[in-house]
Protein backbone atom coordinates (compact mmCIF):
# COMPACT_ATOMS: atom_id res chain seq x y z
CA MET A 1 -7.87 24.49 -19.38
CA THR A 2 -7.70 21.04 -18.37
CA GLY A 3 -4.28 20.74 -17.94
CA VAL A 4 -3.80 24.00 -16.23
CA ARG A 5 -6.43 22.72 -13.63
CA PHE A 6 -4.53 19.66 -12.80
CA LEU A 7 -1.25 21.63 -12.68
CA ARG A 8 -3.06 23.94 -10.13
CA LEU A 9 -4.12 20.59 -8.01
CA SER A 10 -0.97 18.96 -7.91
CA GLN A 11 1.03 22.45 -7.46
CA ARG A 12 -1.00 23.05 -4.42
CA THR A 13 -0.89 19.55 -2.91
CA LEU A 14 3.03 20.03 -3.42
CA SER A 15 2.91 23.31 -1.75
CA SER A 16 0.98 21.79 1.23
CA TYR A 17 3.79 19.61 2.10
CA PHE A 18 6.38 22.02 2.17
CA GLY A 19 4.49 24.41 4.39
CA SER A 20 3.37 21.81 6.65
CA THR A 21 5.63 21.77 10.17
CA PHE A 22 4.41 18.14 10.44
CA SER A 23 5.68 16.75 7.01
CA TYR A 24 9.31 18.28 7.95
CA VAL A 25 9.65 16.57 11.11
CA SER A 26 8.13 13.01 9.59
CA VAL A 27 10.93 13.50 7.04
CA MET A 28 13.92 14.35 9.41
CA GLY A 29 12.48 11.27 11.47
CA PHE A 30 13.08 9.34 8.31
CA TYR A 31 16.28 10.85 8.08
CA LEU A 32 17.63 10.16 11.60
CA LEU A 33 16.60 6.47 10.73
CA VAL A 34 18.18 6.36 7.39
CA ALA A 35 21.50 7.53 9.20
CA TRP A 36 21.36 5.14 11.94
CA LEU A 37 20.22 2.33 9.28
CA TYR A 38 23.69 3.17 7.11
CA ARG A 39 25.89 3.03 10.19
CA THR A 40 24.39 -0.42 11.38
CA PHE A 41 24.22 -2.08 7.44
CA ILE A 42 27.08 -0.14 5.60
CA VAL A 43 29.74 1.14 8.08
CA GLY A 44 29.37 -1.25 10.93
CA ALA A 45 29.32 -4.12 8.64
CA ARG A 46 32.21 -2.93 6.63
CA THR A 47 30.45 -3.73 2.84
CA ASN A 48 29.77 -2.07 -0.10
CA ASN A 49 26.44 -3.88 -0.26
CA LEU A 50 23.83 -1.26 -0.58
CA GLY A 51 21.11 -4.18 -0.83
CA PRO A 52 20.43 -4.90 2.88
CA PHE A 53 20.38 -1.05 3.59
CA LEU A 54 18.02 -0.24 1.11
CA ALA A 55 16.00 -3.44 2.09
CA GLN A 56 15.53 -1.37 5.70
CA VAL A 57 14.86 1.77 4.00
CA GLU A 58 12.08 0.59 1.79
CA PHE A 59 10.44 -0.93 5.08
CA LEU A 60 10.60 2.56 6.52
CA LEU A 61 8.64 3.60 3.72
CA VAL A 62 5.66 1.40 4.43
CA LEU A 63 5.87 3.14 7.94
CA ILE A 64 6.46 6.84 7.27
CA VAL A 65 4.23 6.97 3.71
CA PRO A 66 0.99 6.21 5.16
CA VAL A 67 1.71 9.21 7.57
CA LEU A 68 2.95 11.54 4.56
CA THR A 69 -0.53 10.87 2.58
CA MET A 70 -3.00 10.55 5.20
CA ARG A 71 -4.44 14.00 4.79
CA LEU A 72 -4.43 14.01 0.96
CA LEU A 73 -8.08 13.84 0.63
CA SER A 74 -9.19 13.23 4.14
CA ASP A 75 -9.50 16.91 4.75
CA GLU A 76 -11.13 18.00 2.08
CA LEU A 77 -13.95 15.28 2.62
CA ARG A 78 -14.37 16.62 6.12
CA THR A 79 -14.45 20.09 5.49
CA GLY A 80 -16.55 19.76 2.38
CA SER A 81 -14.30 21.83 0.01
CA ILE A 82 -14.04 18.94 -2.34
CA ASP A 83 -17.50 19.94 -3.28
CA LEU A 84 -15.89 23.09 -4.69
CA LEU A 85 -13.94 20.98 -6.93
CA TRP A 86 -16.86 18.90 -8.09
CA VAL A 87 -18.52 22.27 -9.08
CA ARG A 88 -15.30 23.49 -10.82
CA GLY A 89 -15.72 20.46 -12.90
CA VAL A 90 -12.71 18.48 -11.45
CA THR A 91 -13.31 14.76 -11.93
CA PRO A 92 -12.29 11.91 -9.49
CA VAL A 93 -9.74 10.34 -11.70
CA LYS A 94 -8.28 14.09 -12.39
CA LEU A 95 -8.09 14.60 -8.61
CA ILE A 96 -7.07 11.45 -7.90
CA LEU A 97 -3.96 11.87 -10.51
CA ALA A 98 -3.26 15.23 -9.27
CA LYS A 99 -2.87 14.11 -5.41
CA PHE A 100 -0.77 10.87 -6.55
CA SER A 101 1.53 12.88 -8.77
CA ALA A 102 2.48 15.59 -6.14
CA ALA A 103 2.97 13.14 -3.48
CA ALA A 104 4.79 11.15 -5.23
CA VAL A 105 7.55 13.74 -6.33
CA PHE A 106 7.58 14.96 -2.48
CA VAL A 107 7.97 11.18 -1.23
CA ILE A 108 10.68 10.18 -3.94
CA GLY A 109 12.38 13.43 -3.63
CA ALA A 110 12.76 13.05 0.21
CA VAL A 111 14.10 9.56 -0.09
CA SER A 112 16.52 10.42 -3.17
CA LEU A 113 18.72 12.57 -0.56
CA PRO A 114 19.69 10.15 2.19
CA VAL A 115 19.77 7.21 -0.75
CA GLY A 116 21.82 9.22 -2.90
CA LEU A 117 24.24 10.32 -0.26
CA ALA A 118 24.72 6.77 1.05
CA ALA A 119 26.00 5.97 -2.37
CA TRP A 120 28.40 8.75 -2.42
CA PHE A 121 29.55 8.21 0.81
CA THR A 122 30.16 4.55 0.11
CA ALA A 123 31.75 5.08 -3.32
CA ARG A 124 34.07 7.16 -1.40
CA LEU A 125 34.74 4.95 1.23
CA THR A 126 35.28 1.62 -1.09
CA GLY A 127 37.09 3.46 -4.09
CA PRO A 128 35.70 4.23 -7.81
CA ASP A 129 35.21 0.57 -8.33
CA GLY A 130 33.53 0.05 -4.63
CA LEU A 131 29.84 0.22 -6.51
CA ASP A 132 28.36 -1.33 -9.31
CA ALA A 133 26.56 1.04 -11.84
CA GLY A 134 24.12 -1.24 -13.13
CA VAL A 135 23.30 -2.80 -9.76
CA LEU A 136 22.92 0.42 -8.06
CA THR A 137 20.69 1.63 -10.59
CA ALA A 138 18.52 -1.51 -10.25
CA GLN A 139 18.32 -0.62 -6.54
CA VAL A 140 17.39 2.77 -6.78
CA ILE A 141 14.43 1.89 -9.27
CA GLY A 142 13.54 -0.74 -6.63
CA VAL A 143 13.15 2.11 -4.02
CA CYS A 144 11.09 4.43 -6.08
CA LEU A 145 8.87 1.73 -7.06
CA ILE A 146 7.95 0.50 -3.65
CA GLY A 147 7.43 4.93 -3.08
CA PHE A 148 5.08 5.11 -5.83
CA VAL A 149 2.79 1.74 -4.71
CA LEU A 150 2.82 3.37 -0.90
CA VAL A 151 1.52 6.80 -2.49
CA ALA A 152 -0.87 5.40 -4.61
CA LEU A 153 -2.17 3.07 -1.45
CA GLY A 154 -2.08 6.40 0.82
CA VAL A 155 -3.92 8.52 -1.78
CA ALA A 156 -6.73 5.22 -2.28
CA ALA A 157 -6.85 5.04 1.95
CA SER A 158 -7.02 8.59 2.07
CA ALA A 159 -10.25 8.53 -0.13
CA LEU A 160 -12.02 6.31 1.65
CA SER A 161 -12.32 8.08 5.09
CA HIS A 162 -12.88 11.86 6.59
CA ASN A 163 -10.58 11.16 9.63
CA PRO A 164 -6.84 11.41 8.31
CA LEU A 165 -5.83 9.03 11.39
CA VAL A 166 -8.20 6.12 9.97
CA THR A 167 -6.64 6.55 6.73
CA ALA A 168 -3.41 6.24 7.80
CA LEU A 169 -4.36 3.32 9.50
CA ILE A 170 -5.70 1.62 6.75
CA ALA A 171 -2.72 2.14 4.36
CA ALA A 172 -0.02 1.09 7.21
CA VAL A 173 -2.39 -2.23 7.73
CA VAL A 174 -2.47 -2.77 4.19
CA GLY A 175 1.12 -2.03 3.35
CA PHE A 176 2.49 -4.45 6.51
CA PHE A 177 0.06 -7.33 5.00
CA LEU A 178 1.87 -6.82 1.49
CA TRP A 179 5.04 -6.43 3.30
CA PHE A 180 4.63 -9.43 5.31
CA ILE A 181 2.49 -12.03 3.22
CA ASP A 182 5.59 -14.14 2.05
CA ALA A 183 6.65 -14.67 5.91
CA ALA A 184 3.00 -16.23 6.56
CA ASP A 185 2.25 -19.80 6.95
CA LEU A 186 -0.08 -19.87 3.99
CA SER A 187 -1.01 -22.86 1.92
CA ALA A 188 -1.50 -20.59 -0.78
CA VAL A 189 2.05 -19.69 -2.16
CA TRP A 190 0.82 -18.36 -5.23
CA LEU A 191 -0.90 -15.56 -3.19
CA GLN A 192 2.32 -14.81 -1.22
CA ARG A 193 4.00 -14.70 -4.83
CA MET A 194 1.59 -12.70 -6.37
CA LEU A 195 1.10 -9.74 -3.53
CA GLY A 196 4.51 -10.11 -1.31
CA LEU A 197 6.20 -7.04 -2.17
CA ARG A 198 9.39 -8.16 -0.52
CA LEU A 199 9.65 -11.08 -3.32
CA HIS A 200 9.41 -8.51 -5.83
CA LEU A 201 11.82 -6.23 -4.21
CA ALA A 202 14.41 -8.98 -4.15
CA GLY A 203 15.48 -9.04 -7.69
CA PHE A 204 16.00 -5.24 -7.83
CA ASN A 205 18.44 -5.37 -4.56
CA VAL A 206 20.70 -7.83 -5.82
CA GLY A 207 20.94 -5.78 -9.24
CA GLU A 208 18.09 -7.22 -11.38
CA LEU A 209 15.47 -6.01 -13.36
CA ARG A 210 12.81 -8.47 -14.04
CA LEU A 211 9.44 -7.50 -16.17
CA ASN A 212 7.43 -9.62 -14.22
CA ASP A 213 8.63 -7.35 -11.14
CA LEU A 214 8.24 -4.29 -13.03
CA TRP A 215 4.49 -5.06 -13.95
CA PHE A 216 3.62 -6.02 -10.49
CA PHE A 217 4.51 -2.93 -9.10
CA PHE A 218 2.63 -1.05 -12.25
CA SER A 219 -0.48 -3.03 -11.73
CA LEU A 220 -0.67 -2.30 -7.86
CA VAL A 221 -0.34 1.27 -8.61
CA VAL A 222 -3.37 1.14 -11.05
CA VAL A 223 -5.43 -1.11 -8.50
CA PHE A 224 -4.95 1.35 -5.41
CA LEU A 225 -5.59 4.50 -7.69
CA SER A 226 -8.40 2.99 -9.13
CA ALA A 227 -10.10 2.01 -5.84
CA GLY A 228 -9.14 6.12 -4.94
CA VAL A 229 -11.34 6.92 -8.04
CA LEU A 230 -14.32 4.59 -7.04
CA ALA A 231 -14.19 5.96 -3.47
CA LEU A 232 -14.77 9.32 -4.62
CA LYS A 233 -17.24 8.38 -7.07
CA PHE A 234 -19.06 6.96 -3.93
CA HIS A 235 -18.66 10.28 -1.50
CA ARG A 236 -20.28 12.54 -4.72
CA SER A 237 -22.75 10.56 -5.19
């Protein structure tokens, strides 16, 4: 029964994305920007190196994911419908994981379409030997990992406030901080290396899979989801 309840929560969240005009408009705007980036960084530059293009796509995710995740829990907190879930025996951990899994499926699915088309068009333009499969695999893994981290951040932010705009702002500010911290003039270089998203994505974008980078993204997901669980426990108490 526990597994069935988890699947129902995830399915309901995923269905809310496909039933929302706002989600479609946000994703279409994202697609238009990705198309412009592809024309600029691949077609305009006459190159088959997807690394710089995918780096820009990853930054777009920092902008778009907070918008796509801002209502995951804030609406239920605002309307009080979350109390019904507590009565039915849903725990904060299960609710956070259900929201995260559904949002991650939607976001990764939305990103996979333009990234897949970009790889396909580039291969067609440059010939069968134009793309290195190993490098492309590492680059796609990097895009997926940043997507997971930003979704986890969005879930945590959504558990903090009843106001969707506030949750989107929180997620965006934290996302921008992690993205640009390596460019800040800080004496604590170790902090930049520990938290900088771009530093840990750099290896993926050139086709390198590093264990410390994989651990970094996994740890961030765990930290953000744990923060979301703590926030829900606070609201429930």
